[in-house]
Amino acid sequence: MSKVVVIGTGIMGVGIAAGFLAHGAQTILLGRDKSKAEAVFPNIEACAKAINPNFKSNPDLLIGGKIADWNDWSNTDLIIETVSERMDLKKELFADLDKRVPSHIPIGSNSSGFPISQIALGLPTANRMFNAHYFMPAHVVPLVEVVLGEKSDPVLGEQVCAFYRAHGKKPVLVKKDIPGFLANRIQHALMREALHMLQEGIATADDIDTAVRYSFGFRYAAVGPMTQKEISGWEGMALAAEIIYPSLSNTDRLAPCVQELVRTGKTGMSKGEGFKPWPADEAAKVKKNYDIRLKAAFDVLNLAPDEG
């Protein structure tokens, strides 16, 4: 039986723990105190059930504890931290784990903003430390980015990827510690161009969503962009690139329209307004449909095995 330690009891910690629990791993959830960790057990088990309909609760598989007091590292395969996005907090935690955890056990950070090279800077066992970046909701979205830092052992990184594959995830090994890792760089490149077209009055936010969802976004649930072009042929893409690339946005600044949203506090559904008003009932409906569609996309991804 595999054994995973997840540090942090927030939304990401719950989702990450559920993913391992649903695939039969003994899952240790550590919080500031044991009671805080145990309080989210029902959420973890509900997420595990959503992943694996045959999941049944087992008190031997889901265990809570206090970070400062936990020292049972026997047979531990992987440790993942999901604490708040504060560099000082993460550095302090990793320095503590560096001393307390046997040096052969890999340690991952779910940080999306802080590179592992900085978090693990100067630590004697930085070779076994990685970014292990999930996407929300962590129990549903299959991808995990395993990012090598300046000192990370590539062989161990490959082993971490294999461990994730054995527990139902689709890991990618990012071989250089660059801002945004892999998926977020691609996502932000798309968002830069989408926001540029919105800012210039070329299209509305709704039309941009429709264009993405019902064209290449629709195709990408079947294959990724590289394979899609292998299917269609690169010659068409190459000819189009000569015309399109010179006109693409290459700004290094956030679009003014988004700066204004942030300045005025209109940052999306949670605030009741973004690029358009979001009444509570409409926001709830969209979120519900989003969850349903994510599950449907997940089912599509699992229709048949592929090379990933």
Protein backbone atom coordinates (compact mmCIF):
# COMPACT_ATOMS: atom_id res chain seq x y z
CA MET A 1 0.00 0.00 0.00
CA SER A 2 1.28 3.45 -0.87
CA LYS A 3 1.40 6.25 1.70
CA VAL A 4 1.14 9.98 1.06
CA VAL A 5 1.36 12.93 3.43
CA VAL A 6 -0.56 16.08 2.46
CA ILE A 7 0.19 19.23 4.45
CA GLY A 8 -2.58 21.83 4.53
CA THR A 9 -6.34 21.58 5.08
CA GLY A 10 -7.63 24.10 2.53
CA ILE A 11 -9.44 23.44 -0.74
CA MET A 12 -6.31 22.25 -2.54
CA GLY A 13 -5.25 19.99 0.32
CA VAL A 14 -8.69 18.39 0.42
CA GLY A 15 -8.72 17.75 -3.34
CA ILE A 16 -5.17 16.40 -3.43
CA ALA A 17 -5.80 14.09 -0.48
CA ALA A 18 -9.02 12.84 -2.09
CA GLY A 19 -7.20 11.91 -5.28
CA PHE A 20 -4.81 9.61 -3.47
CA LEU A 21 -7.45 8.23 -1.11
CA ALA A 22 -9.74 7.33 -4.04
CA HIS A 23 -6.93 5.20 -5.49
CA GLY A 24 -6.30 3.25 -2.30
CA ALA A 25 -3.36 5.14 -0.81
CA GLN A 26 -3.07 5.62 2.92
CA THR A 27 -3.48 9.37 3.11
CA ILE A 28 -2.21 11.48 5.99
CA LEU A 29 -3.61 15.02 6.23
CA LEU A 30 -1.66 17.37 8.46
CA GLY A 31 -2.95 20.73 9.70
CA ARG A 32 -2.11 23.26 12.37
CA ASP A 33 -3.83 20.89 14.77
CA LYS A 34 -5.30 17.41 14.49
CA SER A 35 -8.91 18.50 14.97
CA LYS A 36 -8.65 20.97 12.07
CA ALA A 37 -7.38 18.20 9.82
CA GLU A 38 -10.10 15.76 10.88
CA ALA A 39 -12.82 18.40 10.38
CA VAL A 40 -12.39 18.22 6.59
CA PHE A 41 -12.50 14.40 6.38
CA PRO A 42 -16.13 14.40 5.15
CA ASN A 43 -15.14 16.75 2.31
CA ILE A 44 -12.20 14.53 1.36
CA GLU A 45 -14.33 11.40 1.35
CA ALA A 46 -17.06 13.10 -0.71
CA CYS A 47 -14.46 14.11 -3.32
CA ALA A 48 -12.98 10.59 -3.28
CA LYS A 49 -16.45 9.18 -3.92
CA ALA A 50 -16.88 11.55 -6.87
CA ILE A 51 -13.67 10.16 -8.39
CA ASN A 52 -14.31 6.53 -7.55
CA PRO A 53 -17.97 5.53 -7.12
CA ASN A 54 -16.82 2.31 -5.42
CA PHE A 55 -14.90 4.20 -2.73
CA LYS A 56 -15.77 3.21 0.84
CA SER A 57 -14.64 4.99 4.00
CA ASN A 58 -11.84 3.29 5.90
CA PRO A 59 -10.43 4.80 9.12
CA ASP A 60 -7.10 3.10 8.44
CA LEU A 61 -6.67 4.91 5.13
CA LEU A 62 -7.44 8.54 6.11
CA ILE A 63 -5.53 9.84 9.12
CA GLY A 64 -5.24 13.36 10.52
CA GLY A 65 -2.47 14.94 12.49
CA LYS A 66 -0.67 18.11 13.57
CA ILE A 67 2.22 19.24 11.38
CA ALA A 68 4.52 20.07 14.26
CA ASP A 69 3.99 16.71 15.98
CA TRP A 70 3.95 14.30 13.04
CA ASN A 71 7.04 12.10 12.75
CA ASP A 72 5.80 8.83 11.27
CA TRP A 73 7.61 8.88 7.92
CA SER A 74 7.88 5.10 7.65
CA ASN A 75 6.98 3.80 4.17
CA THR A 76 6.03 7.31 3.02
CA ASP A 77 6.15 7.60 -0.77
CA LEU A 78 5.48 11.33 -1.21
CA ILE A 79 4.90 14.53 0.78
CA ILE A 80 3.00 17.49 -0.71
CA GLU A 81 2.54 20.88 0.92
CA THR A 82 -0.49 23.04 0.14
CA VAL A 83 -0.10 25.82 2.73
CA SER A 84 -0.90 29.47 2.03
CA GLU A 85 0.94 31.22 -0.82
CA ARG A 86 3.50 32.98 1.36
CA MET A 87 7.16 32.50 0.58
CA ASP A 88 8.23 32.89 4.20
CA LEU A 89 5.76 30.22 5.32
CA LYS A 90 6.80 27.76 2.62
CA LYS A 91 10.51 28.29 3.19
CA GLU A 92 10.05 27.75 6.92
CA LEU A 93 8.07 24.55 6.33
CA PHE A 94 10.56 23.14 3.82
CA ALA A 95 13.49 23.93 6.11
CA ASP A 96 11.70 22.02 8.86
CA LEU A 97 10.91 19.06 6.57
CA ASP A 98 14.51 19.06 5.32
CA LYS A 99 15.61 18.23 8.86
CA ARG A 100 12.79 15.90 9.92
CA VAL A 101 12.03 13.79 6.86
CA PRO A 102 14.38 11.01 5.68
CA SER A 103 16.32 12.25 2.66
CA HIS A 104 15.02 9.61 0.20
CA ILE A 105 11.38 10.77 0.44
CA PRO A 106 10.40 13.28 -2.29
CA ILE A 107 8.74 16.51 -1.16
CA GLY A 108 6.54 18.57 -3.46
CA SER A 109 5.10 22.07 -3.24
CA ASN A 110 1.73 22.86 -4.82
CA SER A 111 2.74 26.51 -5.18
CA SER A 112 1.71 28.00 -8.51
CA GLY A 113 3.72 31.19 -8.06
CA PHE A 114 6.90 30.36 -6.15
CA PRO A 115 9.56 28.27 -7.90
CA ILE A 116 10.91 25.34 -5.95
CA SER A 117 14.45 26.66 -6.53
CA GLN A 118 13.61 29.59 -4.25
CA ILE A 119 11.60 27.60 -1.71
CA ALA A 120 14.41 25.04 -1.34
CA LEU A 121 17.28 27.51 -1.66
CA GLY A 122 20.26 26.45 0.46
CA LEU A 123 18.63 23.31 1.87
CA PRO A 124 20.88 20.23 2.07
CA THR A 125 18.28 17.92 0.51
CA ALA A 126 16.99 20.25 -2.22
CA ASN A 127 17.64 17.42 -4.71
CA ARG A 128 14.43 15.63 -3.56
CA MET A 129 12.25 18.76 -3.71
CA PHE A 130 9.93 19.66 -6.61
CA ASN A 131 6.94 21.76 -7.51
CA ALA A 132 3.91 19.46 -7.67
CA HIS A 133 1.41 21.85 -9.18
CA TYR A 134 -2.26 20.89 -9.35
CA PHE A 135 -5.20 22.69 -10.95
CA MET A 136 -8.56 23.33 -9.30
CA PRO A 137 -10.57 21.30 -8.60
CA ALA A 138 -7.60 19.14 -7.72
CA HIS A 139 -9.57 15.91 -7.36
CA VAL A 140 -11.10 16.26 -10.86
CA VAL A 141 -8.44 17.88 -13.09
CA PRO A 142 -6.00 15.08 -14.03
CA LEU A 143 -2.88 17.18 -14.65
CA VAL A 144 -0.03 17.55 -12.16
CA GLU A 145 3.05 19.51 -13.19
CA VAL A 146 6.20 18.03 -11.62
CA VAL A 147 8.73 20.84 -11.95
CA LEU A 148 12.47 20.36 -11.54
CA GLY A 149 14.29 23.03 -9.59
CA GLU A 150 17.95 23.90 -10.02
CA LYS A 151 18.95 21.14 -7.59
CA SER A 152 16.15 18.62 -8.21
CA ASP A 153 17.15 15.09 -9.21
CA PRO A 154 15.65 14.38 -12.68
CA VAL A 155 15.59 10.63 -12.03
CA LEU A 156 13.59 11.16 -8.85
CA GLY A 157 11.33 13.51 -10.79
CA GLU A 158 10.57 10.71 -13.26
CA GLN A 159 9.81 8.41 -10.33
CA VAL A 160 7.38 10.95 -8.88
CA CYS A 161 5.64 11.12 -12.27
CA ALA A 162 5.34 7.32 -12.31
CA PHE A 163 3.85 7.42 -8.81
CA TYR A 164 1.25 9.93 -9.95
CA ARG A 165 0.35 7.81 -12.97
CA ALA A 166 -0.19 4.83 -10.66
CA HIS A 167 -2.67 6.96 -8.71
CA GLY A 168 -4.83 8.15 -11.58
CA LYS A 169 -3.15 11.44 -12.48
CA LYS A 170 -1.61 12.71 -15.72
CA PRO A 171 1.75 14.17 -14.73
CA VAL A 172 4.11 16.16 -16.92
CA LEU A 173 7.78 16.65 -16.11
CA VAL A 174 8.79 20.30 -16.54
CA LYS A 175 12.56 20.22 -16.92
CA LYS A 176 13.32 23.90 -16.27
CA ASP A 177 12.14 26.02 -13.34
CA ILE A 178 10.52 28.84 -15.31
CA PRO A 179 7.72 31.27 -14.28
CA GLY A 180 4.29 29.74 -14.83
CA PHE A 181 5.71 26.25 -15.42
CA LEU A 182 4.10 24.64 -18.51
CA ALA A 183 0.29 24.84 -18.56
CA ASN A 184 -0.02 28.34 -17.10
CA ARG A 185 2.41 29.74 -19.65
CA ILE A 186 0.26 28.38 -22.46
CA GLN A 187 -2.90 29.56 -20.70
CA HIS A 188 -1.54 33.08 -20.16
CA ALA A 189 -0.40 33.32 -23.78
CA LEU A 190 -3.98 32.60 -24.81
CA MET A 191 -5.39 35.04 -22.23
CA ARG A 192 -3.05 37.82 -23.37
CA GLU A 193 -4.38 37.58 -26.93
CA ALA A 194 -8.01 37.16 -25.78
CA LEU A 195 -7.79 40.25 -23.56
CA HIS A 196 -6.06 42.19 -26.33
CA MET A 197 -8.97 41.50 -28.68
CA LEU A 198 -11.45 42.43 -25.96
CA GLN A 199 -9.56 45.64 -25.17
CA GLU A 200 -9.46 46.61 -28.85
CA GLY A 201 -13.20 46.00 -29.30
CA ILE A 202 -12.65 43.15 -31.75
CA ALA A 203 -14.91 40.75 -29.86
CA THR A 204 -17.00 40.54 -26.68
CA ALA A 205 -16.08 38.37 -23.70
CA ASP A 206 -18.97 36.02 -24.51
CA ASP A 207 -17.91 35.68 -28.13
CA ILE A 208 -14.33 34.93 -27.10
CA ASP A 209 -15.63 32.17 -24.81
CA THR A 210 -17.79 30.75 -27.60
CA ALA A 211 -14.93 30.83 -30.12
CA VAL A 212 -12.62 28.90 -27.80
CA ARG A 213 -15.17 26.39 -26.50
CA TYR A 214 -16.56 25.41 -29.86
CA SER A 215 -13.38 25.31 -31.96
CA PHE A 216 -9.94 24.34 -30.72
CA GLY A 217 -11.04 24.09 -27.08
CA PHE A 218 -13.52 21.42 -28.11
CA ARG A 219 -10.80 19.51 -29.97
CA TYR A 220 -8.30 19.68 -27.11
CA ALA A 221 -10.38 17.33 -24.97
CA ALA A 222 -9.56 14.71 -27.62
CA VAL A 223 -5.88 15.50 -28.31
CA GLY A 224 -3.45 18.27 -27.38
CA PRO A 225 -2.29 21.06 -29.73
CA MET A 226 0.86 19.27 -30.87
CA THR A 227 -0.91 16.04 -31.82
CA GLN A 228 -3.79 17.96 -33.41
CA LYS A 229 -1.32 19.60 -35.78
CA GLU A 230 0.34 16.27 -36.42
CA ILE A 231 -3.09 15.09 -37.58
CA SER A 232 -3.95 18.14 -39.69
CA GLY A 233 -0.41 18.80 -40.94
CA TRP A 234 2.04 21.55 -40.03
CA GLU A 235 2.13 23.17 -43.47
CA GLY A 236 -1.19 24.96 -42.96
CA MET A 237 -0.16 26.18 -39.53
CA ALA A 238 3.18 27.40 -40.91
CA LEU A 239 1.52 29.43 -43.66
CA ALA A 240 -1.01 30.95 -41.24
CA ALA A 241 1.73 31.81 -38.75
CA GLU A 242 3.48 34.03 -41.30
CA ILE A 243 0.36 36.18 -41.52
CA ILE A 244 -0.90 35.99 -37.92
CA TYR A 245 2.25 36.13 -35.76
CA PRO A 246 3.26 39.72 -36.63
CA SER A 247 -0.17 40.99 -35.48
CA LEU A 248 -0.34 39.08 -32.18
CA SER A 249 -0.09 41.00 -28.93
CA ASN A 250 3.35 40.88 -27.32
CA THR A 251 2.64 43.25 -24.44
CA ASP A 252 4.37 42.62 -21.13
CA ARG A 253 1.63 44.44 -19.18
CA LEU A 254 -1.75 43.27 -17.92
CA ALA A 255 -4.62 44.48 -20.11
CA PRO A 256 -6.04 47.84 -18.90
CA CYS A 257 -9.56 46.37 -18.84
CA VAL A 258 -8.48 43.82 -16.23
CA GLN A 259 -6.50 46.40 -14.27
CA GLU A 260 -9.72 48.41 -14.02
CA LEU A 261 -11.71 45.40 -12.83
CA VAL A 262 -9.17 44.75 -10.08
CA ARG A 263 -9.03 48.44 -9.11
CA THR A 264 -12.82 48.63 -8.73
CA GLY A 265 -13.17 45.26 -6.99
CA LYS A 266 -15.19 43.72 -9.81
CA THR A 267 -13.13 40.56 -9.92
CA GLY A 268 -15.73 37.97 -10.87
CA MET A 269 -18.59 35.89 -9.54
CA SER A 270 -17.53 36.01 -5.89
CA LYS A 271 -17.86 39.81 -6.00
CA GLY A 272 -21.07 39.80 -8.01
CA GLU A 273 -19.52 41.35 -11.10
CA GLY A 274 -16.64 40.98 -13.54
CA PHE A 275 -16.92 41.88 -17.20
CA LYS A 276 -20.66 41.54 -16.55
CA PRO A 277 -22.95 41.37 -13.49
CA TRP A 278 -23.30 37.98 -11.81
CA PRO A 279 -26.54 37.62 -9.80
CA ALA A 280 -26.15 34.87 -7.20
CA ASP A 281 -28.61 32.50 -8.87
CA GLU A 282 -26.98 32.84 -12.28
CA ALA A 283 -23.49 32.38 -10.82
CA ALA A 284 -24.62 29.23 -9.00
CA LYS A 285 -26.10 27.84 -12.22
CA VAL A 286 -22.92 28.50 -14.22
CA LYS A 287 -20.74 26.92 -11.52
CA LYS A 288 -22.96 23.85 -11.39
CA ASN A 289 -22.82 23.46 -15.17
CA TYR A 290 -19.06 23.96 -15.03
CA ASP A 291 -18.69 21.03 -12.62
CA ILE A 292 -20.93 18.83 -14.79
CA ARG A 293 -18.96 19.68 -17.93
CA LEU A 294 -15.63 19.07 -16.20
CA LYS A 295 -16.84 15.62 -15.20
CA ALA A 296 -18.01 14.96 -18.77
CA ALA A 297 -14.62 16.09 -20.12
CA PHE A 298 -12.90 13.83 -17.63
CA ASP A 299 -15.01 10.92 -18.88
CA VAL A 300 -14.05 11.75 -22.48
CA LEU A 301 -10.37 11.72 -21.56
CA ASN A 302 -10.80 8.22 -20.17
CA LEU A 303 -12.69 6.73 -23.11
CA ALA A 304 -9.56 4.99 -24.35
CA PRO A 305 -5.93 4.78 -23.27
CA ASP A 306 -3.43 7.07 -24.96
CA GLU A 307 0.28 7.76 -24.80
CA GLY A 308 0.04 10.40 -22.06
